[in-house]
């Protein structure tokens, strides 16, 4: 059937999150089917009705970019929401950990002069990145008509993660390395949970960032 072939071509032309992509393709199929049914009711045979519906809908090369832009925006919104929620959460979690542990142990007295600067910079990078995620979430959602530039904003989110993650990882390692932590600190349940949660956040951020960069690279190509 012509509609089936057209929808298959459209699906192959698109890349993005599976659920939203499937919804867009199903929506296109339903629209084509409704048009073909209406034309058939007017007296056209099925093949002619489907051909007319496909011609009216437009060639895949013309339709696909609009659909792809929406899929790119979906990926961008997911990453933006992830940054907006997880980075400030990470700051709060570790702020609580470092205030509760190691308590009166010598970890604070042994720290070098740059320790406070490093910890402050770590917090600032995470909070600023999270706030940018919030702004990008608005720009890709309700503010899309005002700001436009969906692919550019989505790509900037991916690049932001690629810069912020190594920086945060490096600062975290430096801060931990110079802290005179008590024996078994890493085995404490709250610390272990905080490390697990933070690692999961970072993996999700990296995965979403790679996907966003791939989609925007595809759009540019």
Foldseek 3Di string as FASTA:
>chain_A
DLLVVQLVVLLVLADADPPLSVVVSVVLSVQLVVQLVVVVVVPDPNVVSSVVSDVVVPHSVVPNLVSLLLRLLVLLLVLLVLLLPQLVVLVVLVVVVVCVPPDPDCQVVQADPCLVVLNVVLNVLSNVLNVLSVVLNCCSPVVCVVNPPSLVSLLVNLVSLVVSVVSNVVSVVVNVVRGPHDPCSCVPVSNVVSVVSVVVSNVVSNVSSVSSNVSSVSSVD
